[in-house]
Amino acid sequence: MKAKTLLIAAAALAAGVMHSQAQVYSQNIVGYINVPINTGYNMIANQLDLDGTGTNNTVISVLGTNSLPAGSAVLTWTGTNFITDSFSVPRGKTQAVWASTTTPLSIGQGFFVVNPGPPTNIVEVGNVFTGTNVNPFLASAGYSAVGSVSPVAGDLITNLDYTPSVGDAVELFNNSATNYTTYNYSIPRGKTQAVWAPGVPQISVAQGFFITTTNRAPVWTEILNVQ
């Protein structure tokens, strides 16, 4: 497994994500991520922790109340279906609020943000999980809605430390086409080595995606070192 290193200097987190649409800046292990939110459905992930505990990240701490327009929604995946949390203006009020302020948006979890308005940005703020971390959302059956625990961009294997099993599939959501691009890990006919087709999935910072795995006991462990 390849350990990644963050150099806490002027480049900081941006050095690890310069090929991503999202940008990350930090001078220590607390930083922020500018996440572009297009009109319509956006599958993203939270990669910064509110308070260092890993347990208190909610729709309020991650998305706030000021960037998204009224009528927006968050869709979180249970493993079998989506749960919707809506952002709307209650009757008799003028300010939009989330229907449930406690909807969890945890590190390593992929989820949808639905934006009925023009493109905008949200800003994730918090602590970077460093060292060795296991993604708790990778399940052994069905679709897992996930995101990298580390705010690092690149290919799923080399940069994000995922170890695939033959038969795995990754689904990347395409906002402009409102569909998914599927990447399959399989052994081509006449070959002995499994490969990704059409290529190794490339993941942006704060991007959420779906994985289905044939591994009955999957473990996705990421290592991120800080110097």
C-alpha atoms as a PDB file:
ATOM      1  CA  MET A   1       0.000   0.000   0.000  1.00  0.00           C
ATOM      2  CA  LYS A   2       1.357   3.387  -0.969  1.00  0.00           C
ATOM      3  CA  ALA A   3       1.401   6.003   1.778  1.00  0.00           C
ATOM      4  CA  LYS A   4       0.752   9.574   0.713  1.00  0.00           C
ATOM      5  CA  THR A   5       2.504  12.516   2.337  1.00  0.00           C
ATOM      6  CA  LEU A   6       1.252  16.036   2.877  1.00  0.00           C
ATOM      7  CA  LEU A   7       3.936  18.674   3.230  1.00  0.00           C
ATOM      8  CA  ILE A   8       2.560  21.331   5.521  1.00  0.00           C
ATOM      9  CA  ALA A   9       4.014  24.375   3.800  1.00  0.00           C
ATOM     10  CA  ALA A  10       2.846  26.961   1.308  1.00  0.00           C
ATOM     11  CA  ALA A  11       1.577  24.339  -1.129  1.00  0.00           C
ATOM     12  CA  ALA A  12      -0.031  22.284   1.643  1.00  0.00           C
ATOM     13  CA  LEU A  13      -3.075  20.307   0.549  1.00  0.00           C
ATOM     14  CA  ALA A  14      -3.215  21.961  -2.864  1.00  0.00           C
ATOM     15  CA  ALA A  15      -0.139  19.993  -3.923  1.00  0.00           C
ATOM     16  CA  GLY A  16      -2.059  16.767  -3.674  1.00  0.00           C
ATOM     17  CA  VAL A  17      -5.147  17.915  -5.541  1.00  0.00           C
ATOM     18  CA  MET A  18      -3.959  20.256  -8.264  1.00  0.00           C
ATOM     19  CA  HIS A  19      -5.577  18.170 -10.977  1.00  0.00           C
ATOM     20  CA  SER A  20      -9.010  18.420  -9.396  1.00  0.00           C
ATOM     21  CA  GLN A  21     -11.779  20.917 -10.073  1.00  0.00           C
ATOM     22  CA  ALA A  22     -12.080  21.345  -6.331  1.00  0.00           C
ATOM     23  CA  GLN A  23      -9.277  23.211  -4.582  1.00  0.00           C
ATOM     24  CA  VAL A  24      -7.943  22.552  -1.117  1.00  0.00           C
ATOM     25  CA  TYR A  25      -5.904  25.007   0.904  1.00  0.00           C
ATOM     26  CA  SER A  26      -4.350  24.667   4.333  1.00  0.00           C
ATOM     27  CA  GLN A  27      -1.308  25.631   6.363  1.00  0.00           C
ATOM     28  CA  ASN A  28      -1.879  22.881   8.888  1.00  0.00           C
ATOM     29  CA  ILE A  29      -4.222  19.925   9.234  1.00  0.00           C
ATOM     30  CA  VAL A  30      -7.263  22.200   9.378  1.00  0.00           C
ATOM     31  CA  GLY A  31      -8.340  23.407   5.956  1.00  0.00           C
ATOM     32  CA  TYR A  32     -11.180  23.989   3.552  1.00  0.00           C
ATOM     33  CA  ILE A  33     -12.345  22.642   0.209  1.00  0.00           C
ATOM     34  CA  ASN A  34     -14.206  24.640  -2.406  1.00  0.00           C
ATOM     35  CA  VAL A  35     -16.654  22.189  -3.962  1.00  0.00           C
ATOM     36  CA  PRO A  36     -18.421  23.196  -7.214  1.00  0.00           C
ATOM     37  CA  ILE A  37     -22.138  22.384  -7.205  1.00  0.00           C
ATOM     38  CA  ASN A  38     -23.719  22.365 -10.646  1.00  0.00           C
ATOM     39  CA  THR A  39     -27.395  22.722 -11.416  1.00  0.00           C
ATOM     40  CA  GLY A  40     -29.138  19.410 -10.830  1.00  0.00           C
ATOM     41  CA  TYR A  41     -27.656  16.333  -9.185  1.00  0.00           C
ATOM     42  CA  ASN A  42     -24.104  16.327  -7.823  1.00  0.00           C
ATOM     43  CA  MET A  43     -22.504  13.317  -6.133  1.00  0.00           C
ATOM     44  CA  ILE A  44     -19.958  14.558  -3.635  1.00  0.00           C
ATOM     45  CA  ALA A  45     -18.227  13.511  -0.420  1.00  0.00           C
ATOM     46  CA  ASN A  46     -17.267  15.217   2.810  1.00  0.00           C
ATOM     47  CA  GLN A  47     -13.510  14.935   3.438  1.00  0.00           C
ATOM     48  CA  LEU A  48     -12.988  17.323   6.356  1.00  0.00           C
ATOM     49  CA  ASP A  49     -14.041  16.551   9.916  1.00  0.00           C
ATOM     50  CA  LEU A  50     -15.812  19.092  12.105  1.00  0.00           C
ATOM     51  CA  ASP A  51     -14.085  18.514  15.431  1.00  0.00           C
ATOM     52  CA  GLY A  52     -11.603  15.659  15.119  1.00  0.00           C
ATOM     53  CA  THR A  53     -13.972  13.026  16.511  1.00  0.00           C
ATOM     54  CA  GLY A  54     -15.345  11.829  13.179  1.00  0.00           C
ATOM     55  CA  THR A  55     -18.844  11.576  14.636  1.00  0.00           C
ATOM     56  CA  ASN A  56     -20.414  15.047  14.433  1.00  0.00           C
ATOM     57  CA  ASN A  57     -20.505  15.824  10.714  1.00  0.00           C
ATOM     58  CA  THR A  58     -24.034  16.776   9.687  1.00  0.00           C
ATOM     59  CA  VAL A  59     -25.834  18.563   6.871  1.00  0.00           C
ATOM     60  CA  ILE A  60     -25.412  21.781   8.870  1.00  0.00           C
ATOM     61  CA  SER A  61     -21.674  21.457   9.506  1.00  0.00           C
ATOM     62  CA  VAL A  62     -20.898  20.327   5.942  1.00  0.00           C
ATOM     63  CA  LEU A  63     -23.337  22.309   3.788  1.00  0.00           C
ATOM     64  CA  GLY A  64     -24.407  25.118   6.086  1.00  0.00           C
ATOM     65  CA  THR A  65     -27.391  27.288   5.199  1.00  0.00           C
ATOM     66  CA  ASN A  66     -26.025  30.079   3.021  1.00  0.00           C
ATOM     67  CA  SER A  67     -24.685  28.634  -0.253  1.00  0.00           C
ATOM     68  CA  LEU A  68     -27.512  26.496  -1.600  1.00  0.00           C
ATOM     69  CA  PRO A  69     -30.850  27.943  -2.753  1.00  0.00           C
ATOM     70  CA  ALA A  70     -34.216  27.060  -1.267  1.00  0.00           C
ATOM     71  CA  GLY A  71     -35.512  23.896  -2.893  1.00  0.00           C
ATOM     72  CA  SER A  72     -32.181  22.112  -2.616  1.00  0.00           C
ATOM     73  CA  ALA A  73     -31.943  18.626  -1.144  1.00  0.00           C
ATOM     74  CA  VAL A  74     -29.461  16.053   0.099  1.00  0.00           C
ATOM     75  CA  LEU A  75     -29.900  12.364  -0.741  1.00  0.00           C
ATOM     76  CA  THR A  76     -28.070   9.853   1.451  1.00  0.00           C
ATOM     77  CA  TRP A  77     -27.836   6.169   0.537  1.00  0.00           C
ATOM     78  CA  THR A  78     -28.850   3.476   3.050  1.00  0.00           C
ATOM     79  CA  GLY A  79     -27.613   0.546   0.996  1.00  0.00           C
ATOM     80  CA  THR A  80     -31.049  -0.077  -0.496  1.00  0.00           C
ATOM     81  CA  ASN A  81     -32.636   3.349  -0.978  1.00  0.00           C
ATOM     82  CA  PHE A  82     -32.141   7.094  -0.621  1.00  0.00           C
ATOM     83  CA  ILE A  83     -33.223   9.257   2.299  1.00  0.00           C
ATOM     84  CA  THR A  84     -34.029  12.856   1.363  1.00  0.00           C
ATOM     85  CA  ASP A  85     -33.367  15.918   3.500  1.00  0.00           C
ATOM     86  CA  SER A  86     -34.886  19.042   1.968  1.00  0.00           C
ATOM     87  CA  PHE A  87     -33.813  22.680   2.261  1.00  0.00           C
ATOM     88  CA  SER A  88     -36.912  24.862   2.115  1.00  0.00           C
ATOM     89  CA  VAL A  89     -38.631  27.921   3.568  1.00  0.00           C
ATOM     90  CA  PRO A  90     -41.218  26.975   6.209  1.00  0.00           C
ATOM     91  CA  ARG A  91     -44.656  28.562   5.983  1.00  0.00           C
ATOM     92  CA  GLY A  92     -44.627  32.000   7.562  1.00  0.00           C
ATOM     93  CA  LYS A  93     -40.814  32.225   7.478  1.00  0.00           C
ATOM     94  CA  THR A  94     -38.359  33.922   5.129  1.00  0.00           C
ATOM     95  CA  GLN A  95     -35.239  31.806   5.698  1.00  0.00           C
ATOM     96  CA  ALA A  96     -34.726  28.326   4.260  1.00  0.00           C
ATOM     97  CA  VAL A  97     -33.825  25.590   6.742  1.00  0.00           C
ATOM     98  CA  TRP A  98     -33.003  21.892   6.534  1.00  0.00           C
ATOM     99  CA  ALA A  99     -35.898  19.594   7.377  1.00  0.00           C
ATOM    100  CA  SER A 100     -33.510  17.553   9.526  1.00  0.00           C
ATOM    101  CA  THR A 101     -30.460  19.351  10.860  1.00  0.00           C
ATOM    102  CA  THR A 102     -28.939  16.088  12.094  1.00  0.00           C
ATOM    103  CA  THR A 103     -28.652  14.225   8.772  1.00  0.00           C
ATOM    104  CA  PRO A 104     -25.136  12.699   8.981  1.00  0.00           C
ATOM    105  CA  LEU A 105     -22.642  13.456   6.207  1.00  0.00           C
ATOM    106  CA  SER A 106     -19.690  11.454   7.459  1.00  0.00           C
ATOM    107  CA  ILE A 107     -16.107  11.189   6.280  1.00  0.00           C
ATOM    108  CA  GLY A 108     -15.910   8.523   3.565  1.00  0.00           C
ATOM    109  CA  GLN A 109     -19.605   8.751   2.686  1.00  0.00           C
ATOM    110  CA  GLY A 110     -20.836   9.620  -0.798  1.00  0.00           C
ATOM    111  CA  PHE A 111     -24.093  11.535  -1.152  1.00  0.00           C
ATOM    112  CA  PHE A 112     -26.073  13.620  -3.625  1.00  0.00           C
ATOM    113  CA  VAL A 113     -26.663  17.357  -3.424  1.00  0.00           C
ATOM    114  CA  VAL A 114     -29.566  18.488  -5.612  1.00  0.00           C
ATOM    115  CA  ASN A 115     -29.311  22.124  -6.686  1.00  0.00           C
ATOM    116  CA  PRO A 116     -32.396  23.638  -8.407  1.00  0.00           C
ATOM    117  CA  GLY A 117     -30.608  26.939  -9.031  1.00  0.00           C
ATOM    118  CA  PRO A 118     -27.578  28.100 -11.005  1.00  0.00           C
ATOM    119  CA  PRO A 119     -24.117  26.628 -10.368  1.00  0.00           C
ATOM    120  CA  THR A 120     -22.644  27.563  -7.010  1.00  0.00           C
ATOM    121  CA  ASN A 121     -20.010  26.406  -4.532  1.00  0.00           C
ATOM    122  CA  ILE A 122     -20.083  24.998  -1.056  1.00  0.00           C
ATOM    123  CA  VAL A 123     -17.125  25.175   1.297  1.00  0.00           C
ATOM    124  CA  GLU A 124     -16.190  22.172   3.431  1.00  0.00           C
ATOM    125  CA  VAL A 125     -14.221  23.203   6.496  1.00  0.00           C
ATOM    126  CA  GLY A 126     -12.534  21.037   9.095  1.00  0.00           C
ATOM    127  CA  ASN A 127      -9.780  18.655  10.079  1.00  0.00           C
ATOM    128  CA  VAL A 128      -7.921  16.364   7.695  1.00  0.00           C
ATOM    129  CA  PHE A 129      -7.889  12.702   8.732  1.00  0.00           C
ATOM    130  CA  THR A 130      -4.223  11.689   8.641  1.00  0.00           C
ATOM    131  CA  GLY A 131      -2.439   8.429   9.327  1.00  0.00           C
ATOM    132  CA  THR A 132      -4.211   5.144   8.565  1.00  0.00           C
ATOM    133  CA  ASN A 133      -7.985   5.256   8.090  1.00  0.00           C
ATOM    134  CA  VAL A 134     -10.524   2.647   7.003  1.00  0.00           C
ATOM    135  CA  ASN A 135     -13.570   3.698   4.994  1.00  0.00           C
ATOM    136  CA  PRO A 136     -16.612   2.572   7.025  1.00  0.00           C
ATOM    137  CA  PHE A 137     -19.039   2.830   4.111  1.00  0.00           C
ATOM    138  CA  LEU A 138     -17.630   0.103   1.844  1.00  0.00           C
ATOM    139  CA  ALA A 139     -20.104  -2.773   2.097  1.00  0.00           C
ATOM    140  CA  SER A 140     -19.756  -6.392   1.014  1.00  0.00           C
ATOM    141  CA  ALA A 141     -23.058  -6.488  -0.866  1.00  0.00           C
ATOM    142  CA  GLY A 142     -24.893  -4.120  -3.158  1.00  0.00           C
ATOM    143  CA  TYR A 143     -23.945  -0.567  -3.953  1.00  0.00           C
ATOM    144  CA  SER A 144     -21.794   1.425  -1.538  1.00  0.00           C
ATOM    145  CA  ALA A 145     -21.953   5.228  -1.759  1.00  0.00           C
ATOM    146  CA  VAL A 146     -18.436   6.295  -0.840  1.00  0.00           C
ATOM    147  CA  GLY A 147     -15.774   8.968  -1.148  1.00  0.00           C
ATOM    148  CA  SER A 148     -12.108   8.975  -0.281  1.00  0.00           C
ATOM    149  CA  VAL A 149     -11.389   9.592   3.401  1.00  0.00           C
ATOM    150  CA  SER A 150      -8.387  11.691   2.345  1.00  0.00           C
ATOM    151  CA  PRO A 151      -8.737  14.955   0.346  1.00  0.00           C
ATOM    152  CA  VAL A 152      -6.522  13.597  -2.435  1.00  0.00           C
ATOM    153  CA  ALA A 153      -7.245  13.400  -6.171  1.00  0.00           C
ATOM    154  CA  GLY A 154      -6.058  10.797  -8.648  1.00  0.00           C
ATOM    155  CA  ASP A 155      -6.654   7.225  -9.709  1.00  0.00           C
ATOM    156  CA  LEU A 156      -8.531   4.938  -7.357  1.00  0.00           C
ATOM    157  CA  ILE A 157      -5.656   2.481  -6.975  1.00  0.00           C
ATOM    158  CA  THR A 158      -2.402   4.449  -6.900  1.00  0.00           C
ATOM    159  CA  ASN A 159      -3.621   7.626  -5.241  1.00  0.00           C
ATOM    160  CA  LEU A 160      -6.587   6.483  -3.172  1.00  0.00           C
ATOM    161  CA  ASP A 161      -5.205   3.094  -2.052  1.00  0.00           C
ATOM    162  CA  TYR A 162      -8.209   0.999  -3.101  1.00  0.00           C
ATOM    163  CA  THR A 163      -7.460  -2.701  -3.690  1.00  0.00           C
ATOM    164  CA  PRO A 164      -9.958  -4.108  -6.202  1.00  0.00           C
ATOM    165  CA  SER A 165     -11.302  -7.637  -6.517  1.00  0.00           C
ATOM    166  CA  VAL A 166     -12.113  -9.249  -9.855  1.00  0.00           C
ATOM    167  CA  GLY A 167     -15.687  -8.345 -10.695  1.00  0.00           C
ATOM    168  CA  ASP A 168     -15.681  -4.974  -8.930  1.00  0.00           C
ATOM    169  CA  ALA A 169     -17.426  -2.022 -10.557  1.00  0.00           C
ATOM    170  CA  VAL A 170     -17.237   1.716  -9.954  1.00  0.00           C
ATOM    171  CA  GLU A 171     -20.001   4.115 -10.998  1.00  0.00           C
ATOM    172  CA  LEU A 172     -19.083   7.788 -11.488  1.00  0.00           C
ATOM    173  CA  PHE A 173     -22.034  10.139 -11.796  1.00  0.00           C
ATOM    174  CA  ASN A 174     -22.058  12.507 -14.775  1.00  0.00           C
ATOM    175  CA  ASN A 175     -23.931  15.699 -13.874  1.00  0.00           C
ATOM    176  CA  SER A 176     -24.268  17.034 -17.421  1.00  0.00           C
ATOM    177  CA  ALA A 177     -25.664  13.784 -18.808  1.00  0.00           C
ATOM    178  CA  THR A 178     -27.462  12.722 -15.587  1.00  0.00           C
ATOM    179  CA  ASN A 179     -26.101   9.206 -15.914  1.00  0.00           C
ATOM    180  CA  TYR A 180     -23.191   7.082 -14.720  1.00  0.00           C
ATOM    181  CA  THR A 181     -19.930   6.042 -16.317  1.00  0.00           C
ATOM    182  CA  THR A 182     -19.166   2.448 -15.325  1.00  0.00           C
ATOM    183  CA  TYR A 183     -15.655   1.099 -14.734  1.00  0.00           C
ATOM    184  CA  ASN A 184     -15.299  -2.690 -14.496  1.00  0.00           C
ATOM    185  CA  TYR A 185     -12.382  -4.634 -13.062  1.00  0.00           C
ATOM    186  CA  SER A 186     -12.228  -7.970 -14.883  1.00  0.00           C
ATOM    187  CA  ILE A 187      -9.962 -10.399 -16.707  1.00  0.00           C
ATOM    188  CA  PRO A 188     -10.222  -9.966 -20.480  1.00  0.00           C
ATOM    189  CA  ARG A 189     -10.756 -13.086 -22.573  1.00  0.00           C
ATOM    190  CA  GLY A 190      -7.458 -14.798 -23.255  1.00  0.00           C
ATOM    191  CA  LYS A 191      -5.659 -12.904 -20.491  1.00  0.00           C
ATOM    192  CA  THR A 192      -4.669 -13.808 -16.951  1.00  0.00           C
ATOM    193  CA  GLN A 193      -4.454 -10.348 -15.375  1.00  0.00           C
ATOM    194  CA  ALA A 194      -7.461  -8.272 -14.371  1.00  0.00           C
ATOM    195  CA  VAL A 195      -7.622  -4.697 -15.668  1.00  0.00           C
ATOM    196  CA  TRP A 196      -9.984  -1.761 -15.389  1.00  0.00           C
ATOM    197  CA  ALA A 197     -12.110  -0.949 -18.425  1.00  0.00           C
ATOM    198  CA  PRO A 198     -12.362   1.606 -19.926  1.00  0.00           C
ATOM    199  CA  GLY A 199      -9.524   2.639 -17.564  1.00  0.00           C
ATOM    200  CA  VAL A 200      -8.682   3.134 -13.916  1.00  0.00           C
ATOM    201  CA  PRO A 201     -11.327   5.400 -12.320  1.00  0.00           C
ATOM    202  CA  GLN A 202     -10.050   8.943 -11.779  1.00  0.00           C
ATOM    203  CA  ILE A 203     -11.465  10.559  -8.666  1.00  0.00           C
ATOM    204  CA  SER A 204     -11.549  14.284  -7.834  1.00  0.00           C
ATOM    205  CA  VAL A 205     -11.312  15.802  -4.392  1.00  0.00           C
ATOM    206  CA  ALA A 206     -14.703  15.727  -2.633  1.00  0.00           C
ATOM    207  CA  GLN A 207     -16.182  13.435  -5.300  1.00  0.00           C
ATOM    208  CA  GLY A 208     -18.638  10.760  -4.254  1.00  0.00           C
ATOM    209  CA  PHE A 209     -19.197   7.558  -6.228  1.00  0.00           C
ATOM    210  CA  PHE A 210     -20.656   4.060  -6.061  1.00  0.00           C
ATOM    211  CA  ILE A 211     -18.675   0.834  -5.684  1.00  0.00           C
ATOM    212  CA  THR A 212     -19.930  -2.728  -5.932  1.00  0.00           C
ATOM    213  CA  THR A 213     -17.414  -5.347  -4.881  1.00  0.00           C
ATOM    214  CA  THR A 214     -17.222  -9.126  -5.038  1.00  0.00           C
ATOM    215  CA  ASN A 215     -15.093  -9.166  -1.884  1.00  0.00           C
ATOM    216  CA  ARG A 216     -17.150 -10.607   0.957  1.00  0.00           C
ATOM    217  CA  ALA A 217     -15.040  -8.813   3.551  1.00  0.00           C
ATOM    218  CA  PRO A 218     -13.884  -5.617   1.827  1.00  0.00           C
ATOM    219  CA  VAL A 219     -11.536  -3.194   3.558  1.00  0.00           C
ATOM    220  CA  TRP A 220     -10.539   0.116   1.996  1.00  0.00           C
ATOM    221  CA  THR A 221      -7.600   1.502   3.963  1.00  0.00           C
ATOM    222  CA  GLU A 222      -6.016   4.849   3.131  1.00  0.00           C
ATOM    223  CA  ILE A 223      -2.731   6.154   4.503  1.00  0.00           C
ATOM    224  CA  LEU A 224      -2.031   9.880   4.560  1.00  0.00           C
ATOM    225  CA  ASN A 225       1.130  11.154   6.247  1.00  0.00           C
ATOM    226  CA  VAL A 226       1.837  14.722   7.290  1.00  0.00           C
ATOM    227  CA  GLN A 227       5.291  16.304   7.484  1.00  0.00           C
END
